[in-house]
Amino acid sequence: MSNADLILGGLKLLVFGMGMVYFFLILMIIAMNLMQKVLAPFAAAFEPAPKAAPKPKASSGDDAQLAAIAAAAVECARGK
């Protein structure tokens, strides 16, 4: 076997291998699209439940009380 025959055989194998991969990827895309269409009616069953509404923030009265507590703590720390 000559070098040209070996290179030609390698190129044939390369094209065949890449063709098989390309064919498999096309087949996989077709199968995924088919599964998407078949399972679309059941999609709502797998949706996560809506989360509960977040708790409302503290009112301004609570903020004022917290500010007063923080100010008292700072004064206490400075006094020592």
N, C-alpha and C. Protein backbone atom coordinates (compact mmCIF):
# COMPACT_ATOMS: atom_id res chain seq x y z
N MET A 1 0.84 -1.18 0.00
CA MET A 1 0.00 0.00 0.00
C MET A 1 0.88 1.24 0.00
N SER A 2 0.54 2.16 -0.85
CA SER A 2 1.33 3.38 -0.94
C SER A 2 0.80 4.42 0.05
N ASN A 3 1.59 5.46 0.19
CA ASN A 3 1.19 6.54 1.09
C ASN A 3 -0.09 7.22 0.60
N ALA A 4 -0.27 7.36 -0.68
CA ALA A 4 -1.47 7.99 -1.23
C ALA A 4 -2.70 7.17 -0.90
N ASP A 5 -2.58 5.84 -0.96
CA ASP A 5 -3.71 4.98 -0.61
C ASP A 5 -4.05 5.10 0.87
N LEU A 6 -3.04 5.20 1.72
CA LEU A 6 -3.29 5.36 3.15
C LEU A 6 -3.97 6.69 3.46
N ILE A 7 -3.52 7.75 2.81
CA ILE A 7 -4.13 9.07 3.03
C ILE A 7 -5.56 9.07 2.51
N LEU A 8 -5.79 8.49 1.34
CA LEU A 8 -7.14 8.42 0.79
C LEU A 8 -8.06 7.60 1.70
N GLY A 9 -7.56 6.50 2.24
CA GLY A 9 -8.36 5.70 3.17
C GLY A 9 -8.68 6.47 4.45
N GLY A 10 -7.70 7.24 4.94
CA GLY A 10 -7.93 8.06 6.12
C GLY A 10 -8.96 9.15 5.86
N LEU A 11 -8.91 9.76 4.70
CA LEU A 11 -9.89 10.79 4.36
C LEU A 11 -11.30 10.21 4.23
N LYS A 12 -11.39 9.01 3.65
CA LYS A 12 -12.71 8.36 3.54
C LYS A 12 -13.26 8.08 4.94
N LEU A 13 -12.39 7.59 5.82
CA LEU A 13 -12.82 7.31 7.19
C LEU A 13 -13.23 8.59 7.92
N LEU A 14 -12.49 9.66 7.68
CA LEU A 14 -12.81 10.96 8.28
C LEU A 14 -14.17 11.45 7.82
N VAL A 15 -14.44 11.40 6.54
CA VAL A 15 -15.72 11.86 5.99
C VAL A 15 -16.86 10.98 6.49
N PHE A 16 -16.63 9.67 6.54
CA PHE A 16 -17.67 8.75 7.03
C PHE A 16 -17.98 9.03 8.50
N GLY A 17 -16.95 9.21 9.31
CA GLY A 17 -17.16 9.46 10.74
C GLY A 17 -17.87 10.78 10.98
N MET A 18 -17.46 11.82 10.29
CA MET A 18 -18.12 13.11 10.46
C MET A 18 -19.55 13.07 9.94
N GLY A 19 -19.79 12.31 8.89
CA GLY A 19 -21.15 12.16 8.36
C GLY A 19 -22.05 11.45 9.36
N MET A 20 -21.52 10.44 10.03
CA MET A 20 -22.31 9.72 11.03
C MET A 20 -22.66 10.65 12.20
N VAL A 21 -21.72 11.46 12.64
CA VAL A 21 -21.99 12.40 13.72
C VAL A 21 -23.05 13.41 13.29
N TYR A 22 -22.92 13.95 12.09
CA TYR A 22 -23.89 14.91 11.57
C TYR A 22 -25.28 14.28 11.48
N PHE A 23 -25.34 13.05 10.98
CA PHE A 23 -26.61 12.34 10.87
C PHE A 23 -27.23 12.13 12.25
N PHE A 24 -26.42 11.72 13.23
CA PHE A 24 -26.93 11.50 14.58
C PHE A 24 -27.46 12.80 15.19
N LEU A 25 -26.76 13.91 14.98
CA LEU A 25 -27.22 15.18 15.54
C LEU A 25 -28.54 15.62 14.92
N ILE A 26 -28.68 15.45 13.62
CA ILE A 26 -29.95 15.79 12.95
C ILE A 26 -31.07 14.90 13.49
N LEU A 27 -30.79 13.60 13.65
CA LEU A 27 -31.78 12.67 14.18
C LEU A 27 -32.17 13.05 15.61
N MET A 28 -31.21 13.47 16.41
CA MET A 28 -31.49 13.86 17.79
C MET A 28 -32.34 15.13 17.83
N ILE A 29 -32.09 16.10 16.97
CA ILE A 29 -32.89 17.32 16.93
C ILE A 29 -34.33 17.00 16.53
N ILE A 30 -34.49 16.13 15.55
CA ILE A 30 -35.84 15.73 15.13
C ILE A 30 -36.57 15.04 16.28
N ALA A 31 -35.89 14.15 16.99
CA ALA A 31 -36.51 13.44 18.11
C ALA A 31 -36.88 14.41 19.23
N MET A 32 -36.04 15.38 19.52
CA MET A 32 -36.35 16.35 20.58
C MET A 32 -37.54 17.21 20.21
N ASN A 33 -37.62 17.64 18.96
CA ASN A 33 -38.77 18.43 18.52
C ASN A 33 -40.06 17.61 18.58
N LEU A 34 -39.98 16.34 18.21
CA LEU A 34 -41.13 15.47 18.28
C LEU A 34 -41.59 15.28 19.73
N MET A 35 -40.64 15.08 20.65
CA MET A 35 -40.99 14.92 22.06
C MET A 35 -41.59 16.21 22.62
N GLN A 36 -41.11 17.36 22.17
CA GLN A 36 -41.66 18.63 22.62
C GLN A 36 -43.13 18.74 22.23
N LYS A 37 -43.46 18.33 21.01
CA LYS A 37 -44.84 18.41 20.55
C LYS A 37 -45.73 17.38 21.25
N VAL A 38 -45.18 16.21 21.54
CA VAL A 38 -45.96 15.16 22.19
C VAL A 38 -46.22 15.52 23.65
N LEU A 39 -45.23 16.09 24.33
CA LEU A 39 -45.36 16.35 25.76
C LEU A 39 -45.90 17.74 26.09
N ALA A 40 -46.18 18.56 25.10
CA ALA A 40 -46.68 19.93 25.35
C ALA A 40 -47.96 19.96 26.19
N PRO A 41 -48.93 19.05 25.99
CA PRO A 41 -50.14 19.11 26.82
C PRO A 41 -49.86 18.82 28.30
N PHE A 42 -48.78 18.13 28.60
CA PHE A 42 -48.48 17.77 29.99
C PHE A 42 -47.53 18.76 30.66
N ALA A 43 -47.16 19.83 29.98
CA ALA A 43 -46.16 20.77 30.50
C ALA A 43 -46.66 21.48 31.76
N ALA A 44 -47.94 21.76 31.85
CA ALA A 44 -48.47 22.49 33.01
C ALA A 44 -48.32 21.67 34.29
N ALA A 45 -48.34 20.36 34.19
CA ALA A 45 -48.21 19.52 35.38
C ALA A 45 -46.82 19.61 35.98
N PHE A 46 -45.83 19.99 35.20
CA PHE A 46 -44.45 20.03 35.68
C PHE A 46 -43.97 21.43 36.01
N GLU A 47 -44.84 22.43 35.88
CA GLU A 47 -44.47 23.80 36.21
C GLU A 47 -44.36 23.93 37.72
N PRO A 48 -43.38 24.68 38.22
CA PRO A 48 -43.28 24.87 39.67
C PRO A 48 -44.44 25.71 40.19
N ALA A 49 -44.83 25.46 41.43
CA ALA A 49 -45.94 26.20 42.03
C ALA A 49 -45.52 27.66 42.21
N PRO A 50 -46.46 28.57 42.08
CA PRO A 50 -46.11 29.98 42.28
C PRO A 50 -45.69 30.22 43.73
N LYS A 51 -44.71 31.07 43.89
CA LYS A 51 -44.22 31.36 45.24
C LYS A 51 -45.19 32.29 45.96
N ALA A 52 -45.16 32.20 47.29
CA ALA A 52 -46.02 33.05 48.11
C ALA A 52 -45.56 34.50 47.98
N ALA A 53 -46.49 35.40 48.14
CA ALA A 53 -46.17 36.82 48.05
C ALA A 53 -45.24 37.20 49.19
N PRO A 54 -44.26 38.06 48.94
CA PRO A 54 -43.35 38.46 50.01
C PRO A 54 -44.08 39.25 51.10
N LYS A 55 -43.56 39.15 52.30
CA LYS A 55 -44.18 39.86 53.42
C LYS A 55 -43.97 41.36 53.22
N PRO A 56 -44.94 42.16 53.62
CA PRO A 56 -44.77 43.62 53.49
C PRO A 56 -43.66 44.09 54.43
N LYS A 57 -42.99 45.15 54.04
CA LYS A 57 -41.91 45.69 54.86
C LYS A 57 -42.49 46.36 56.11
N ALA A 58 -41.60 46.54 57.06
CA ALA A 58 -42.02 47.16 58.31
C ALA A 58 -42.51 48.58 58.05
N SER A 59 -43.44 49.01 58.86
CA SER A 59 -43.97 50.37 58.69
C SER A 59 -42.95 51.39 59.19
N SER A 60 -43.20 52.65 58.90
CA SER A 60 -42.25 53.70 59.28
C SER A 60 -42.14 53.82 60.79
N GLY A 61 -43.19 53.47 61.54
CA GLY A 61 -43.13 53.50 63.00
C GLY A 61 -42.09 52.52 63.53
N ASP A 62 -42.02 51.34 62.93
CA ASP A 62 -41.02 50.35 63.32
C ASP A 62 -39.62 50.85 62.98
N ASP A 63 -39.48 51.53 61.86
CA ASP A 63 -38.19 52.07 61.47
C ASP A 63 -37.73 53.13 62.45
N ALA A 64 -38.65 53.96 62.88
CA ALA A 64 -38.30 55.01 63.84
C ALA A 64 -37.87 54.39 65.17
N GLN A 65 -38.57 53.33 65.57
CA GLN A 65 -38.22 52.66 66.82
C GLN A 65 -36.83 52.01 66.71
N LEU A 66 -36.54 51.39 65.58
CA LEU A 66 -35.23 50.79 65.38
C LEU A 66 -34.14 51.84 65.34
N ALA A 67 -34.41 52.99 64.76
CA ALA A 67 -33.44 54.08 64.73
C ALA A 67 -33.17 54.59 66.13
N ALA A 68 -34.20 54.70 66.95
CA ALA A 68 -34.02 55.14 68.33
C ALA A 68 -33.19 54.14 69.12
N ILE A 69 -33.43 52.86 68.92
CA ILE A 69 -32.66 51.82 69.60
C ILE A 69 -31.20 51.88 69.17
N ALA A 70 -30.95 52.06 67.86
CA ALA A 70 -29.58 52.14 67.36
C ALA A 70 -28.88 53.37 67.92
N ALA A 71 -29.58 54.50 67.99
CA ALA A 71 -28.98 55.72 68.54
C ALA A 71 -28.64 55.54 70.02
N ALA A 72 -29.51 54.89 70.77
CA ALA A 72 -29.26 54.63 72.18
C ALA A 72 -28.06 53.70 72.35
N ALA A 73 -27.93 52.71 71.48
CA ALA A 73 -26.79 51.80 71.56
C ALA A 73 -25.49 52.51 71.27
N VAL A 74 -25.51 53.43 70.31
CA VAL A 74 -24.30 54.20 69.97
C VAL A 74 -23.92 55.10 71.15
N GLU A 75 -24.91 55.77 71.74
CA GLU A 75 -24.64 56.64 72.90
C GLU A 75 -24.10 55.84 74.07
N CYS A 76 -24.64 54.66 74.27
CA CYS A 76 -24.17 53.80 75.36
C CYS A 76 -22.73 53.36 75.13
N ALA A 77 -22.39 53.03 73.86
CA ALA A 77 -21.04 52.59 73.54
C ALA A 77 -20.05 53.74 73.66
N ARG A 78 -20.43 54.96 73.32
CA ARG A 78 -19.54 56.11 73.41
C ARG A 78 -19.31 56.55 74.85
N GLY A 79 -20.31 56.31 75.67
CA GLY A 79 -20.22 56.73 77.06
C GLY A 79 -19.23 55.91 77.86
N LYS A 80 -18.92 54.74 77.46
CA LYS A 80 -18.02 53.87 78.22
C LYS A 80 -16.59 54.15 77.97
